[in-house]
Amino acid sequence: MEFSYPAKRILGILLVTEREHIMELSINGTRVTIADNGDSRPLVLVLRDELNMTGTKFGCGAGICGACTVHVDGVATRSCQTPVNQLVGKQITTIEGLTLADGTSHPLQQAFIEHQVPQCGWCMSGQIMTAAALLNTNANPTRDDIVTAMDSNYCRCGTYHRIRNAVAHAASLKNGGTE
């Protein structure tokens, strides 16, 4: 008897298992293969549960808080609302991939540390990824630009003033400044 699906024999019983489908994603410049279950699992769960990339946080699960923000083709994207099966052929960047090519921290990471932004830290990866998307499109943001870009990211600890200052400082660092 032939089956189109893989089969295995356990205790003399022939079991037919589902055909394994795979999906290839590009995450932080590396090709990653995951099981394609034909479903629409949110990217945040694949990153955290299947790939053990826990820098991206699960916050509200509704795309509201911003804790799960990653970049998809350079655009800040809520990974809790992004089905993984729609990301084939796209470049995904997580907080783990924000480190510069020489291994040093991104200017935003440096600035967030210098300005002592993190309190509990839950929102930080999403805050940094949102700010990085801003700085990729606007090298010299005004205070209003920063407020507008960061407005949809929530901070449970209320460090919004430190976040704004750190983003402005990071913009200066990226532009060769020291302040």
C-alpha atoms as a PDB file:
ATOM      1  CA  MET A   1       0.000   0.000   0.000  1.00  0.00           C
ATOM      2  CA  GLU A   2       1.426   3.416  -0.964  1.00  0.00           C
ATOM      3  CA  PHE A   3       0.645   6.722   0.630  1.00  0.00           C
ATOM      4  CA  SER A   4       1.288  10.188  -0.692  1.00  0.00           C
ATOM      5  CA  TYR A   5       2.062  11.301   2.878  1.00  0.00           C
ATOM      6  CA  PRO A   6       4.917  10.014   5.013  1.00  0.00           C
ATOM      7  CA  ALA A   7       3.905   6.985   7.021  1.00  0.00           C
ATOM      8  CA  LYS A   8       5.427   5.283  10.030  1.00  0.00           C
ATOM      9  CA  ARG A   9       4.685   2.061  11.828  1.00  0.00           C
ATOM     10  CA  ILE A  10       4.232   2.215  15.599  1.00  0.00           C
ATOM     11  CA  LEU A  11       3.428  -0.991  17.523  1.00  0.00           C
ATOM     12  CA  GLY A  12       2.466  -2.666  14.286  1.00  0.00           C
ATOM     13  CA  ILE A  13      -0.055   0.035  13.354  1.00  0.00           C
ATOM     14  CA  LEU A  14       0.567   2.003  10.200  1.00  0.00           C
ATOM     15  CA  LEU A  15       0.135   5.697  10.906  1.00  0.00           C
ATOM     16  CA  VAL A  16      -0.120   8.228   8.132  1.00  0.00           C
ATOM     17  CA  THR A  17       1.283  11.600   9.095  1.00  0.00           C
ATOM     18  CA  GLU A  18       0.637  14.878   7.425  1.00  0.00           C
ATOM     19  CA  ARG A  19       3.041  16.003   4.781  1.00  0.00           C
ATOM     20  CA  GLU A  20       5.492  18.448   6.233  1.00  0.00           C
ATOM     21  CA  HIS A  21       5.459  21.772   4.471  1.00  0.00           C
ATOM     22  CA  ILE A  22       8.098  24.336   5.165  1.00  0.00           C
ATOM     23  CA  MET A  23       8.261  28.073   4.806  1.00  0.00           C
ATOM     24  CA  GLU A  24      11.432  30.091   4.406  1.00  0.00           C
ATOM     25  CA  LEU A  25      11.688  33.518   5.978  1.00  0.00           C
ATOM     26  CA  SER A  26      14.477  36.083   5.984  1.00  0.00           C
ATOM     27  CA  ILE A  27      15.018  37.285   9.537  1.00  0.00           C
ATOM     28  CA  ASN A  28      17.878  39.636  10.387  1.00  0.00           C
ATOM     29  CA  GLY A  29      19.593  38.752   7.125  1.00  0.00           C
ATOM     30  CA  THR A  30      19.481  35.006   7.779  1.00  0.00           C
ATOM     31  CA  ARG A  31      17.261  32.490   6.032  1.00  0.00           C
ATOM     32  CA  VAL A  32      15.147  30.623   8.535  1.00  0.00           C
ATOM     33  CA  THR A  33      12.997  27.581   7.807  1.00  0.00           C
ATOM     34  CA  ILE A  34       9.843  26.962   9.814  1.00  0.00           C
ATOM     35  CA  ALA A  35       6.926  24.590   9.512  1.00  0.00           C
ATOM     36  CA  ASP A  36       4.175  25.888   7.249  1.00  0.00           C
ATOM     37  CA  ASN A  37       1.006  24.779   8.969  1.00  0.00           C
ATOM     38  CA  GLY A  38      -1.139  26.584   6.444  1.00  0.00           C
ATOM     39  CA  ASP A  39      -2.380  28.832   9.197  1.00  0.00           C
ATOM     40  CA  SER A  40      -1.941  32.468   9.944  1.00  0.00           C
ATOM     41  CA  ARG A  41       0.166  32.301  13.102  1.00  0.00           C
ATOM     42  CA  PRO A  42       1.224  35.783  14.195  1.00  0.00           C
ATOM     43  CA  LEU A  43       4.887  36.557  13.609  1.00  0.00           C
ATOM     44  CA  VAL A  44       5.476  37.405  17.282  1.00  0.00           C
ATOM     45  CA  LEU A  45       4.594  33.841  18.329  1.00  0.00           C
ATOM     46  CA  VAL A  46       6.828  32.303  15.681  1.00  0.00           C
ATOM     47  CA  LEU A  47       9.721  34.546  16.717  1.00  0.00           C
ATOM     48  CA  ARG A  48       9.342  33.886  20.429  1.00  0.00           C
ATOM     49  CA  ASP A  49       8.038  30.306  20.610  1.00  0.00           C
ATOM     50  CA  GLU A  50       9.544  28.623  17.579  1.00  0.00           C
ATOM     51  CA  LEU A  51      12.752  30.570  16.935  1.00  0.00           C
ATOM     52  CA  ASN A  52      13.518  31.511  20.559  1.00  0.00           C
ATOM     53  CA  MET A  53      14.008  35.155  19.586  1.00  0.00           C
ATOM     54  CA  THR A  54      12.576  36.698  22.724  1.00  0.00           C
ATOM     55  CA  GLY A  55      13.640  40.312  22.150  1.00  0.00           C
ATOM     56  CA  THR A  56      10.310  41.010  20.474  1.00  0.00           C
ATOM     57  CA  LYS A  57       7.713  41.201  23.237  1.00  0.00           C
ATOM     58  CA  PHE A  58       4.094  40.114  23.274  1.00  0.00           C
ATOM     59  CA  GLY A  59       2.081  42.938  24.794  1.00  0.00           C
ATOM     60  CA  CYS A  60      -1.591  43.440  24.022  1.00  0.00           C
ATOM     61  CA  GLY A  61      -2.006  41.028  21.103  1.00  0.00           C
ATOM     62  CA  ALA A  62      -4.245  43.573  19.355  1.00  0.00           C
ATOM     63  CA  GLY A  63      -1.649  45.766  17.619  1.00  0.00           C
ATOM     64  CA  ILE A  64      -2.269  48.659  19.970  1.00  0.00           C
ATOM     65  CA  CYS A  65       0.670  48.877  22.394  1.00  0.00           C
ATOM     66  CA  GLY A  66       3.640  48.507  20.031  1.00  0.00           C
ATOM     67  CA  ALA A  67       5.713  46.165  22.219  1.00  0.00           C
ATOM     68  CA  CYS A  68       5.874  43.645  19.359  1.00  0.00           C
ATOM     69  CA  THR A  69       7.121  46.080  16.693  1.00  0.00           C
ATOM     70  CA  VAL A  70       9.569  44.709  14.115  1.00  0.00           C
ATOM     71  CA  HIS A  71      10.522  45.920  10.654  1.00  0.00           C
ATOM     72  CA  VAL A  72       9.114  44.264   7.544  1.00  0.00           C
ATOM     73  CA  ASP A  73      10.956  45.556   4.496  1.00  0.00           C
ATOM     74  CA  GLY A  74      12.057  48.501   6.635  1.00  0.00           C
ATOM     75  CA  VAL A  75       8.589  49.479   7.820  1.00  0.00           C
ATOM     76  CA  ALA A  76       7.647  49.368  11.520  1.00  0.00           C
ATOM     77  CA  THR A  77       5.094  46.550  11.775  1.00  0.00           C
ATOM     78  CA  ARG A  78       3.108  45.075  14.651  1.00  0.00           C
ATOM     79  CA  SER A  79       4.159  41.428  14.676  1.00  0.00           C
ATOM     80  CA  CYS A  80       1.173  40.340  16.783  1.00  0.00           C
ATOM     81  CA  GLN A  81      -1.109  41.291  13.893  1.00  0.00           C
ATOM     82  CA  THR A  82       1.098  40.069  11.051  1.00  0.00           C
ATOM     83  CA  PRO A  83       0.430  36.524   9.800  1.00  0.00           C
ATOM     84  CA  VAL A  84       3.707  34.740   9.211  1.00  0.00           C
ATOM     85  CA  ASN A  85       2.429  33.176   5.980  1.00  0.00           C
ATOM     86  CA  GLN A  86       2.330  36.665   4.422  1.00  0.00           C
ATOM     87  CA  LEU A  87       6.027  37.308   5.024  1.00  0.00           C
ATOM     88  CA  VAL A  88       7.665  34.935   2.567  1.00  0.00           C
ATOM     89  CA  GLY A  89      10.030  36.941   0.374  1.00  0.00           C
ATOM     90  CA  LYS A  90      10.121  39.892   2.769  1.00  0.00           C
ATOM     91  CA  GLN A  91      12.990  41.048   4.975  1.00  0.00           C
ATOM     92  CA  ILE A  92      12.147  40.908   8.678  1.00  0.00           C
ATOM     93  CA  THR A  93      14.320  42.741  11.195  1.00  0.00           C
ATOM     94  CA  THR A  94      13.906  42.252  14.927  1.00  0.00           C
ATOM     95  CA  ILE A  95      15.597  44.004  17.832  1.00  0.00           C
ATOM     96  CA  GLU A  96      18.245  41.250  17.716  1.00  0.00           C
ATOM     97  CA  GLY A  97      19.097  42.316  14.156  1.00  0.00           C
ATOM     98  CA  LEU A  98      19.445  46.011  14.909  1.00  0.00           C
ATOM     99  CA  THR A  99      23.056  45.642  16.028  1.00  0.00           C
ATOM    100  CA  LEU A 100      25.456  47.239  13.556  1.00  0.00           C
ATOM    101  CA  ALA A 101      27.582  45.146  11.176  1.00  0.00           C
ATOM    102  CA  ASP A 102      30.695  45.669  13.309  1.00  0.00           C
ATOM    103  CA  GLY A 103      28.884  44.221  16.329  1.00  0.00           C
ATOM    104  CA  THR A 104      28.369  47.505  18.144  1.00  0.00           C
ATOM    105  CA  SER A 105      25.041  48.659  19.449  1.00  0.00           C
ATOM    106  CA  HIS A 106      22.798  50.750  17.230  1.00  0.00           C
ATOM    107  CA  PRO A 107      22.846  54.468  18.142  1.00  0.00           C
ATOM    108  CA  LEU A 108      19.298  54.089  19.474  1.00  0.00           C
ATOM    109  CA  GLN A 109      20.349  51.298  21.801  1.00  0.00           C
ATOM    110  CA  GLN A 110      23.269  53.437  23.010  1.00  0.00           C
ATOM    111  CA  ALA A 111      21.031  56.478  23.509  1.00  0.00           C
ATOM    112  CA  PHE A 112      18.347  54.509  25.376  1.00  0.00           C
ATOM    113  CA  ILE A 113      21.027  53.295  27.792  1.00  0.00           C
ATOM    114  CA  GLU A 114      22.627  56.735  28.178  1.00  0.00           C
ATOM    115  CA  HIS A 115      19.258  58.365  28.887  1.00  0.00           C
ATOM    116  CA  GLN A 116      18.274  55.557  31.268  1.00  0.00           C
ATOM    117  CA  VAL A 117      15.034  54.998  29.366  1.00  0.00           C
ATOM    118  CA  PRO A 118      14.175  51.446  30.462  1.00  0.00           C
ATOM    119  CA  GLN A 119      12.255  50.915  33.655  1.00  0.00           C
ATOM    120  CA  CYS A 120      10.520  47.535  33.406  1.00  0.00           C
ATOM    121  CA  GLY A 121      11.819  47.125  29.840  1.00  0.00           C
ATOM    122  CA  TRP A 122       8.719  45.488  28.382  1.00  0.00           C
ATOM    123  CA  CYS A 123       8.126  48.122  25.696  1.00  0.00           C
ATOM    124  CA  MET A 124      11.759  48.910  24.911  1.00  0.00           C
ATOM    125  CA  SER A 125      12.302  46.682  21.885  1.00  0.00           C
ATOM    126  CA  GLY A 126       9.129  48.028  20.286  1.00  0.00           C
ATOM    127  CA  GLN A 127      10.059  51.608  21.159  1.00  0.00           C
ATOM    128  CA  ILE A 128      13.534  51.184  19.671  1.00  0.00           C
ATOM    129  CA  MET A 129      12.247  49.488  16.508  1.00  0.00           C
ATOM    130  CA  THR A 130       9.667  52.233  15.958  1.00  0.00           C
ATOM    131  CA  ALA A 131      12.313  54.911  16.488  1.00  0.00           C
ATOM    132  CA  ALA A 132      14.708  53.110  14.115  1.00  0.00           C
ATOM    133  CA  ALA A 133      12.060  53.141  11.386  1.00  0.00           C
ATOM    134  CA  LEU A 134      11.649  56.883  11.966  1.00  0.00           C
ATOM    135  CA  LEU A 135      15.386  57.557  11.756  1.00  0.00           C
ATOM    136  CA  ASN A 136      15.669  55.447   8.607  1.00  0.00           C
ATOM    137  CA  THR A 137      13.217  57.773   6.866  1.00  0.00           C
ATOM    138  CA  ASN A 138      13.981  61.035   8.674  1.00  0.00           C
ATOM    139  CA  ALA A 139      17.609  61.566   9.702  1.00  0.00           C
ATOM    140  CA  ASN A 140      16.876  64.886  11.429  1.00  0.00           C
ATOM    141  CA  PRO A 141      13.481  64.589  13.103  1.00  0.00           C
ATOM    142  CA  THR A 142      12.016  67.504  14.999  1.00  0.00           C
ATOM    143  CA  ARG A 143      10.527  67.021  18.451  1.00  0.00           C
ATOM    144  CA  ASP A 144       7.081  66.960  16.811  1.00  0.00           C
ATOM    145  CA  ASP A 145       8.252  64.313  14.313  1.00  0.00           C
ATOM    146  CA  ILE A 146       9.462  62.155  17.197  1.00  0.00           C
ATOM    147  CA  VAL A 147       6.239  62.605  19.183  1.00  0.00           C
ATOM    148  CA  THR A 148       4.138  61.733  16.125  1.00  0.00           C
ATOM    149  CA  ALA A 149       6.196  58.644  15.264  1.00  0.00           C
ATOM    150  CA  MET A 150       6.319  57.345  18.828  1.00  0.00           C
ATOM    151  CA  ASP A 151       2.739  58.243  19.733  1.00  0.00           C
ATOM    152  CA  SER A 152       1.346  54.773  19.057  1.00  0.00           C
ATOM    153  CA  ASN A 153       3.839  52.974  21.317  1.00  0.00           C
ATOM    154  CA  TYR A 154       2.791  52.669  24.937  1.00  0.00           C
ATOM    155  CA  CYS A 155       5.160  52.716  27.891  1.00  0.00           C
ATOM    156  CA  ARG A 156       3.744  51.206  31.064  1.00  0.00           C
ATOM    157  CA  CYS A 157       6.241  53.154  33.159  1.00  0.00           C
ATOM    158  CA  GLY A 158       5.609  56.520  31.519  1.00  0.00           C
ATOM    159  CA  THR A 159       9.166  57.326  30.419  1.00  0.00           C
ATOM    160  CA  TYR A 160       7.991  59.200  27.347  1.00  0.00           C
ATOM    161  CA  HIS A 161      10.210  62.233  27.955  1.00  0.00           C
ATOM    162  CA  ARG A 162      13.290  60.001  28.197  1.00  0.00           C
ATOM    163  CA  ILE A 163      12.233  58.168  25.036  1.00  0.00           C
ATOM    164  CA  ARG A 164      11.907  61.453  23.119  1.00  0.00           C
ATOM    165  CA  ASN A 165      15.280  62.655  24.384  1.00  0.00           C
ATOM    166  CA  ALA A 166      16.953  59.348  23.519  1.00  0.00           C
ATOM    167  CA  VAL A 167      15.528  59.343  19.975  1.00  0.00           C
ATOM    168  CA  ALA A 168      16.761  62.913  19.419  1.00  0.00           C
ATOM    169  CA  HIS A 169      20.175  61.947  20.820  1.00  0.00           C
ATOM    170  CA  ALA A 170      20.333  58.875  18.568  1.00  0.00           C
ATOM    171  CA  ALA A 171      19.548  61.037  15.526  1.00  0.00           C
ATOM    172  CA  SER A 172      22.475  63.262  16.490  1.00  0.00           C
ATOM    173  CA  LEU A 173      24.755  60.224  16.937  1.00  0.00           C
ATOM    174  CA  LYS A 174      23.750  58.806  13.538  1.00  0.00           C
ATOM    175  CA  ASN A 175      24.576  62.169  11.981  1.00  0.00           C
ATOM    176  CA  GLY A 176      28.064  62.206  13.483  1.00  0.00           C
ATOM    177  CA  GLY A 177      27.213  64.388  16.480  1.00  0.00           C
ATOM    178  CA  THR A 178      27.999  63.734  20.088  1.00  0.00           C
ATOM    179  CA  GLU A 179      24.966  65.359  21.702  1.00  0.00           C
END
